Amino acid sequence: ADKMLVDVDVDDKGRVWLLSKKYRPSKEKRERWKEIDPRDIKTDTFILYLYSETGVLLHVYQLDHFVSGIRSIGDKLYIVDSTHTMRFHIYNVIDGS
C-alpha cells in the first residue's frame, strides 16, 4: 500500500523525472483486469514527478495508463509499458522557463 519508486531519469537540463507507484491494486481488481483488454484499462496508480536540477519540485503528473519505465532523450519523454500493453507513449517536453 506504500508508494514505491518505479524508475528515474535525468534529462539534458539536469532535471530529474521520478516515476512512482501510489499503491498496488487489490487482488480483486487485478483479477478483473485480466478479463479486459489492457489498452482499455485506465489506472490512477502511477505518478510522474519532475524536479529541477537543484531538487525543487516543478510539477506532478497523474498518469492514467500503465508504466514500467521512463527515458528522457532530448526534448522527448518516453514512457514505456512493457508489462501490460507492450506500448510506449512519447511526450514533447516544453520548457516553460
Protein backbone atom coordinates (compact mmCIF):
# COMPACT_ATOMS: atom_id res chain seq x y z
CA ALA A 1 0.00 0.00 0.00
CA ASP A 2 3.03 2.27 0.26
CA LYS A 3 4.40 4.41 -2.56
CA MET A 4 7.32 2.89 -4.41
CA LEU A 5 9.87 4.10 -6.91
CA VAL A 6 9.42 2.56 -10.36
CA ASP A 7 12.03 4.43 -12.41
CA VAL A 8 14.09 7.62 -12.51
CA ASP A 9 15.85 9.50 -15.30
CA VAL A 10 17.74 12.79 -15.65
CA ASP A 11 17.20 14.90 -18.76
CA ASP A 12 19.70 17.00 -20.70
CA LYS A 13 18.95 20.03 -18.49
CA GLY A 14 19.68 18.13 -15.27
CA ARG A 15 16.03 17.84 -14.27
CA VAL A 16 15.01 14.64 -12.53
CA TRP A 17 11.99 12.66 -13.71
CA LEU A 18 10.81 10.30 -10.99
CA LEU A 19 8.12 7.69 -11.64
CA SER A 20 6.29 6.43 -8.58
CA LYS A 21 3.57 3.88 -7.99
CA LYS A 22 0.96 5.08 -5.47
CA TYR A 23 -0.28 1.66 -4.45
CA ARG A 24 -0.57 -1.92 -5.54
CA PRO A 25 -4.07 -2.58 -6.90
CA SER A 26 -6.09 -5.11 -4.91
CA LYS A 27 -6.07 -8.76 -5.91
CA GLU A 28 -9.75 -8.46 -6.88
CA LYS A 29 -9.03 -5.51 -9.15
CA ARG A 30 -6.09 -7.29 -10.78
CA GLU A 31 -8.32 -10.32 -11.40
CA ARG A 32 -10.98 -8.12 -13.10
CA TRP A 33 -8.29 -6.56 -15.28
CA LYS A 34 -7.44 -10.00 -16.67
CA GLU A 35 -10.85 -10.02 -18.37
CA ILE A 36 -10.34 -6.64 -20.06
CA ASP A 37 -8.08 -5.62 -22.94
CA PRO A 38 -5.18 -3.86 -21.13
CA ARG A 39 -5.33 -0.97 -23.61
CA ASP A 40 -8.83 -0.17 -22.32
CA ILE A 41 -7.86 0.00 -18.65
CA LYS A 42 -7.46 3.41 -17.05
CA THR A 43 -5.50 3.44 -13.81
CA ASP A 44 -4.54 6.09 -11.26
CA THR A 45 -1.64 4.04 -9.93
CA PHE A 46 1.29 5.95 -11.46
CA ILE A 47 2.57 9.46 -10.74
CA LEU A 48 5.41 11.24 -12.53
CA TYR A 49 7.31 13.91 -10.59
CA LEU A 50 9.55 16.50 -12.24
CA TYR A 51 12.29 18.08 -10.10
CA SER A 52 14.67 20.89 -11.02
CA GLU A 53 18.40 20.28 -11.12
CA THR A 54 18.52 21.74 -7.58
CA GLY A 55 15.83 19.39 -6.25
CA VAL A 56 12.84 21.74 -6.32
CA LEU A 57 9.56 20.01 -7.25
CA LEU A 58 8.39 21.60 -10.50
CA HIS A 59 5.36 19.52 -11.43
CA VAL A 60 3.39 16.39 -10.63
CA TYR A 61 1.72 14.45 -13.45
CA GLN A 62 -1.01 11.91 -12.70
CA LEU A 63 -0.83 9.23 -15.40
CA ASP A 64 -3.88 7.22 -16.47
CA HIS A 65 -2.07 4.27 -18.05
CA PHE A 66 0.35 1.55 -17.03
CA VAL A 67 4.06 2.38 -16.92
CA SER A 68 7.11 0.20 -16.45
CA GLY A 69 9.84 2.71 -17.33
CA ILE A 70 10.73 6.23 -18.49
CA ARG A 71 13.52 7.73 -20.58
CA SER A 72 14.26 11.34 -21.43
CA ILE A 73 16.03 11.93 -24.75
CA GLY A 74 16.39 15.49 -25.97
CA ASP A 75 13.02 17.22 -25.76
CA LYS A 76 11.07 13.95 -25.63
CA LEU A 77 9.95 11.86 -22.68
CA TYR A 78 9.34 8.20 -23.48
CA ILE A 79 7.00 6.34 -21.16
CA VAL A 80 7.08 2.58 -21.67
CA ASP A 81 4.67 -0.16 -20.61
CA SER A 82 6.43 -3.43 -21.28
CA THR A 83 4.26 -5.38 -18.84
CA HIS A 84 0.60 -4.89 -19.75
CA THR A 85 0.09 -3.29 -23.16
CA MET A 86 3.54 -3.58 -24.75
CA ARG A 87 3.45 0.01 -25.98
CA PHE A 88 5.05 3.36 -25.32
CA HIS A 89 3.93 6.98 -25.18
CA ILE A 90 6.04 9.87 -26.43
CA TYR A 91 5.58 13.31 -24.86
CA ASN A 92 7.13 16.57 -26.04
CA VAL A 93 8.81 18.36 -23.15
CA ILE A 94 8.21 22.09 -23.38
CA ASP A 95 10.47 24.26 -21.26
CA GLY A 96 8.31 26.83 -19.50
CA SER A 97 11.13 28.90 -18.03
